[in-house]
C-alpha atoms as a PDB file:
ATOM      1  CA  UNK A   1       9.827 -19.051  -3.472  1.00  0.00           C
ATOM      2  CA  UNK A   2       9.071 -21.653  -1.004  1.00  0.00           C
ATOM      3  CA  UNK A   3       8.811 -25.011  -2.462  1.00  0.00           C
ATOM      4  CA  UNK A   4       6.008 -25.770  -4.680  1.00  0.00           C
ATOM      5  CA  UNK A   5       3.301 -27.985  -5.043  1.00  0.00           C
ATOM      6  CA  UNK A   6       1.665 -30.061  -7.771  1.00  0.00           C
ATOM      7  CA  UNK A   7      -2.097 -28.320  -7.648  1.00  0.00           C
ATOM      8  CA  UNK A   8      -4.077 -29.071 -10.751  1.00  0.00           C
ATOM      9  CA  UNK A   9      -4.550 -31.156 -14.311  1.00  0.00           C
ATOM     10  CA  UNK A  10      -7.933 -30.085 -15.148  1.00  0.00           C
ATOM     11  CA  UNK A  11      -7.823 -27.000 -17.979  1.00  0.00           C
ATOM     12  CA  UNK A  12     -10.787 -24.959 -17.485  1.00  0.00           C
ATOM     13  CA  UNK A  13     -12.102 -22.033 -19.624  1.00  0.00           C
ATOM     14  CA  UNK A  14     -10.690 -18.679 -19.031  1.00  0.00           C
ATOM     15  CA  UNK A  15     -11.552 -16.696 -21.880  1.00  0.00           C
ATOM     16  CA  UNK A  16     -12.871 -16.722 -25.225  1.00  0.00           C
ATOM     17  CA  UNK A  17     -11.955 -14.154 -27.846  1.00  0.00           C
ATOM     18  CA  UNK A  18     -13.068 -14.040 -31.922  1.00  0.00           C
ATOM     19  CA  UNK A  19     -10.109 -13.110 -34.329  1.00  0.00           C
ATOM     20  CA  UNK A  20     -10.655 -10.340 -36.139  1.00  0.00           C
ATOM     21  CA  UNK A  21      -8.881  -8.885 -39.281  1.00  0.00           C
ATOM     22  CA  UNK A  22      -7.460  -5.807 -36.643  1.00  0.00           C
ATOM     23  CA  UNK A  23      -5.524  -9.097 -35.533  1.00  0.00           C
ATOM     24  CA  UNK A  24      -3.918 -11.166 -38.819  1.00  0.00           C
ATOM     25  CA  UNK A  25      -1.377 -10.114 -40.960  1.00  0.00           C
ATOM     26  CA  UNK A  26      -1.990  -9.828 -44.934  1.00  0.00           C
ATOM     27  CA  UNK A  27      -2.113 -13.714 -44.771  1.00  0.00           C
ATOM     28  CA  UNK A  28      -4.891 -13.782 -42.661  1.00  0.00           C
ATOM     29  CA  UNK A  29      -3.291 -15.182 -39.904  1.00  0.00           C
ATOM     30  CA  UNK A  30      -3.293 -14.064 -36.183  1.00  0.00           C
ATOM     31  CA  UNK A  31      -0.188 -12.682 -35.078  1.00  0.00           C
ATOM     32  CA  UNK A  32       1.628 -14.215 -31.724  1.00  0.00           C
ATOM     33  CA  UNK A  33       1.909 -10.884 -29.777  1.00  0.00           C
ATOM     34  CA  UNK A  34      -1.870 -11.032 -29.823  1.00  0.00           C
ATOM     35  CA  UNK A  35      -1.813 -14.385 -28.245  1.00  0.00           C
ATOM     36  CA  UNK A  36       0.231 -13.989 -26.133  1.00  0.00           C
ATOM     37  CA  UNK A  37      -1.306 -10.989 -24.898  1.00  0.00           C
ATOM     38  CA  UNK A  38      -4.528 -13.325 -24.337  1.00  0.00           C
ATOM     39  CA  UNK A  39      -2.115 -15.954 -22.559  1.00  0.00           C
ATOM     40  CA  UNK A  40      -0.777 -13.129 -20.085  1.00  0.00           C
ATOM     41  CA  UNK A  41      -4.745 -12.523 -19.229  1.00  0.00           C
ATOM     42  CA  UNK A  42      -5.694 -15.970 -19.310  1.00  0.00           C
ATOM     43  CA  UNK A  43      -2.952 -16.657 -16.733  1.00  0.00           C
ATOM     44  CA  UNK A  44      -4.262 -13.639 -13.909  1.00  0.00           C
ATOM     45  CA  UNK A  45      -7.599 -15.044 -14.092  1.00  0.00           C
ATOM     46  CA  UNK A  46      -6.006 -18.228 -13.040  1.00  0.00           C
ATOM     47  CA  UNK A  47      -4.131 -16.409 -10.456  1.00  0.00           C
ATOM     48  CA  UNK A  48      -6.574 -14.029  -9.537  1.00  0.00           C
ATOM     49  CA  UNK A  49      -8.441 -17.649  -8.123  1.00  0.00           C
ATOM     50  CA  UNK A  50      -6.085 -17.881  -5.535  1.00  0.00           C
ATOM     51  CA  UNK A  51      -6.294 -14.403  -3.704  1.00  0.00           C
ATOM     52  CA  UNK A  52      -8.033 -10.491  -4.721  1.00  0.00           C
ATOM     53  CA  UNK A  53      -4.213  -9.262  -5.532  1.00  0.00           C
ATOM     54  CA  UNK A  54      -2.155  -7.423  -7.230  1.00  0.00           C
ATOM     55  CA  UNK A  55      -1.044 -10.369  -9.785  1.00  0.00           C
ATOM     56  CA  UNK A  56       2.087  -9.722 -12.134  1.00  0.00           C
ATOM     57  CA  UNK A  57       3.502 -12.199 -14.739  1.00  0.00           C
ATOM     58  CA  UNK A  58       7.164 -12.715 -13.320  1.00  0.00           C
ATOM     59  CA  UNK A  59       7.543 -14.543 -16.364  1.00  0.00           C
ATOM     60  CA  UNK A  60       6.747 -16.540 -19.601  1.00  0.00           C
ATOM     61  CA  UNK A  61       8.320 -19.944 -19.016  1.00  0.00           C
ATOM     62  CA  UNK A  62       7.637 -21.579 -22.300  1.00  0.00           C
ATOM     63  CA  UNK A  63       5.369 -20.739 -25.060  1.00  0.00           C
ATOM     64  CA  UNK A  64       5.023 -23.018 -27.626  1.00  0.00           C
ATOM     65  CA  UNK A  65       3.193 -22.435 -30.791  1.00  0.00           C
ATOM     66  CA  UNK A  66       1.869 -25.297 -33.004  1.00  0.00           C
ATOM     67  CA  UNK A  67      -0.408 -23.971 -35.220  1.00  0.00           C
ATOM     68  CA  UNK A  68      -1.725 -20.672 -36.968  1.00  0.00           C
ATOM     69  CA  UNK A  69      -4.513 -19.383 -36.268  1.00  0.00           C
ATOM     70  CA  UNK A  70      -6.404 -17.794 -38.496  1.00  0.00           C
ATOM     71  CA  UNK A  71      -9.319 -14.639 -38.577  1.00  0.00           C
ATOM     72  CA  UNK A  72     -12.595 -15.735 -37.968  1.00  0.00           C
ATOM     73  CA  UNK A  73     -11.491 -18.487 -35.404  1.00  0.00           C
ATOM     74  CA  UNK A  74     -12.891 -18.737 -32.541  1.00  0.00           C
ATOM     75  CA  UNK A  75      -9.857 -19.505 -29.811  1.00  0.00           C
ATOM     76  CA  UNK A  76     -10.397 -20.700 -26.366  1.00  0.00           C
ATOM     77  CA  UNK A  77      -7.764 -19.818 -23.337  1.00  0.00           C
ATOM     78  CA  UNK A  78      -8.005 -22.837 -21.228  1.00  0.00           C
ATOM     79  CA  UNK A  79      -5.954 -22.776 -17.941  1.00  0.00           C
ATOM     80  CA  UNK A  80      -4.887 -25.238 -14.806  1.00  0.00           C
ATOM     81  CA  UNK A  81      -2.547 -24.046 -11.649  1.00  0.00           C
ATOM     82  CA  UNK A  82       0.243 -26.299 -12.342  1.00  0.00           C
ATOM     83  CA  UNK A  83       2.066 -25.817  -9.140  1.00  0.00           C
ATOM     84  CA  UNK A  84       1.745 -22.927  -6.428  1.00  0.00           C
ATOM     85  CA  UNK A  85       4.498 -21.464  -4.099  1.00  0.00           C
ATOM     86  CA  UNK A  86       3.817 -18.916  -1.191  1.00  0.00           C
ATOM     87  CA  UNK A  87       3.456 -15.800  -3.502  1.00  0.00           C
ATOM     88  CA  UNK A  88       3.770 -17.436  -7.080  1.00  0.00           C
ATOM     89  CA  UNK A  89       1.241 -19.288  -9.125  1.00  0.00           C
ATOM     90  CA  UNK A  90       2.492 -21.186 -11.935  1.00  0.00           C
ATOM     91  CA  UNK A  91      -0.473 -21.195 -14.835  1.00  0.00           C
ATOM     92  CA  UNK A  92      -0.146 -24.005 -17.667  1.00  0.00           C
ATOM     93  CA  UNK A  93      -2.509 -22.690 -20.460  1.00  0.00           C
ATOM     94  CA  UNK A  94      -3.342 -24.511 -23.640  1.00  0.00           C
ATOM     95  CA  UNK A  95      -4.570 -22.736 -26.811  1.00  0.00           C
ATOM     96  CA  UNK A  96      -7.591 -24.103 -28.678  1.00  0.00           C
ATOM     97  CA  UNK A  97      -8.932 -22.133 -32.216  1.00  0.00           C
ATOM     98  CA  UNK A  98     -12.396 -23.534 -33.209  1.00  0.00           C
ATOM     99  CA  UNK A  99     -11.861 -23.301 -37.136  1.00  0.00           C
ATOM    100  CA  UNK A 100     -14.662 -20.674 -38.645  1.00  0.00           C
ATOM    101  CA  UNK A 101     -15.454 -22.775 -41.921  1.00  0.00           C
ATOM    102  CA  UNK A 102     -15.287 -26.682 -40.294  1.00  0.00           C
ATOM    103  CA  UNK A 103     -15.562 -26.057 -36.021  1.00  0.00           C
ATOM    104  CA  UNK A 104     -12.565 -28.094 -36.107  1.00  0.00           C
ATOM    105  CA  UNK A 105     -11.072 -27.955 -32.500  1.00  0.00           C
ATOM    106  CA  UNK A 106      -7.228 -27.413 -33.044  1.00  0.00           C
ATOM    107  CA  UNK A 107      -4.441 -26.872 -30.292  1.00  0.00           C
ATOM    108  CA  UNK A 108      -3.014 -24.585 -31.559  1.00  0.00           C
ATOM    109  CA  UNK A 109      -0.310 -22.904 -28.743  1.00  0.00           C
ATOM    110  CA  UNK A 110       0.689 -24.259 -24.684  1.00  0.00           C
ATOM    111  CA  UNK A 111       2.368 -21.715 -22.493  1.00  0.00           C
ATOM    112  CA  UNK A 112       3.419 -21.366 -19.197  1.00  0.00           C
ATOM    113  CA  UNK A 113       3.757 -18.411 -17.079  1.00  0.00           C
ATOM    114  CA  UNK A 114       4.318 -17.426 -13.405  1.00  0.00           C
ATOM    115  CA  UNK A 115       2.212 -14.782 -11.686  1.00  0.00           C
ATOM    116  CA  UNK A 116       3.524 -13.551  -8.913  1.00  0.00           C
ATOM    117  CA  UNK A 117       0.879 -11.979  -5.591  1.00  0.00           C
ATOM    118  CA  UNK A 118       2.490  -8.110  -4.705  1.00  0.00           C
ATOM    119  CA  UNK A 119       1.392  -5.007  -2.947  1.00  0.00           C
ATOM    120  CA  UNK A 120       1.154  -1.518  -3.816  1.00  0.00           C
ATOM    121  CA  UNK A 121       5.420  -1.339  -3.903  1.00  0.00           C
ATOM    122  CA  UNK A 122       5.100  -4.531  -5.998  1.00  0.00           C
ATOM    123  CA  UNK A 123       6.631  -6.780  -3.268  1.00  0.00           C
ATOM    124  CA  UNK A 124       5.559  -9.794  -3.459  1.00  0.00           C
ATOM    125  CA  UNK A 125       3.036 -10.948  -0.725  1.00  0.00           C
ATOM    126  CA  UNK A 126       1.628 -14.839   0.300  1.00  0.00           C
ATOM    127  CA  UNK A 127      -1.187 -15.167  -1.774  1.00  0.00           C
ATOM    128  CA  UNK A 128      -2.891 -16.723   1.067  1.00  0.00           C
ATOM    129  CA  UNK A 129      -3.331 -13.053   2.652  1.00  0.00           C
ATOM    130  CA  UNK A 130      -6.570 -11.221   2.838  1.00  0.00           C
ATOM    131  CA  UNK A 131      -7.299  -9.635   0.027  1.00  0.00           C
ATOM    132  CA  UNK A 132      -4.768  -6.592  -0.811  1.00  0.00           C
ATOM    133  CA  UNK A 133      -6.597  -4.853  -3.725  1.00  0.00           C
ATOM    134  CA  UNK A 134     -10.777  -3.699  -3.978  1.00  0.00           C
ATOM    135  CA  UNK A 135     -12.531  -4.666  -6.978  1.00  0.00           C
ATOM    136  CA  UNK A 136     -13.488  -1.878  -9.844  1.00  0.00           C
ATOM    137  CA  UNK A 137     -16.985  -1.773 -10.994  1.00  0.00           C
ATOM    138  CA  UNK A 138     -20.219  -0.642 -10.447  1.00  0.00           C
ATOM    139  CA  UNK A 139     -20.403  -2.207  -7.483  1.00  0.00           C
ATOM    140  CA  UNK A 140     -17.270  -1.227  -5.667  1.00  0.00           C
ATOM    141  CA  UNK A 141     -17.811   1.805  -4.168  1.00  0.00           C
ATOM    142  CA  UNK A 142     -15.261   3.432  -6.339  1.00  0.00           C
ATOM    143  CA  UNK A 143     -16.154   6.175  -8.904  1.00  0.00           C
ATOM    144  CA  UNK A 144     -16.347   4.975 -12.543  1.00  0.00           C
END
């Protein structure tokens, strides 16, 4: 990995999710693992802005849980590219919960992940290279 450079200080929405009872413990708090899963998805969404490749999570550099998330909260996963290398992107994630009853917004979690673009063999590739995957979906020409 080459020297990394600072890219963007502004957080942008990546995901918004309603928290449901299936995601919670008996006390109505959402499991941390559920939040981690969405953080990973949000990091992928941010990394994909840098190239249409297979992006994998190389490391979860930091996760800080500041406040609980409750059933009924609408949770926003905001991302920004912190730094880039040749094949890697460091993504910052801020998680905000909009409380069900009050609509107050609370920063509940902050995280940093490193995502790496890889080829079909799982080897890192420069993310500035031409797309290395074909998008799936109704317009991809692939069977569904």
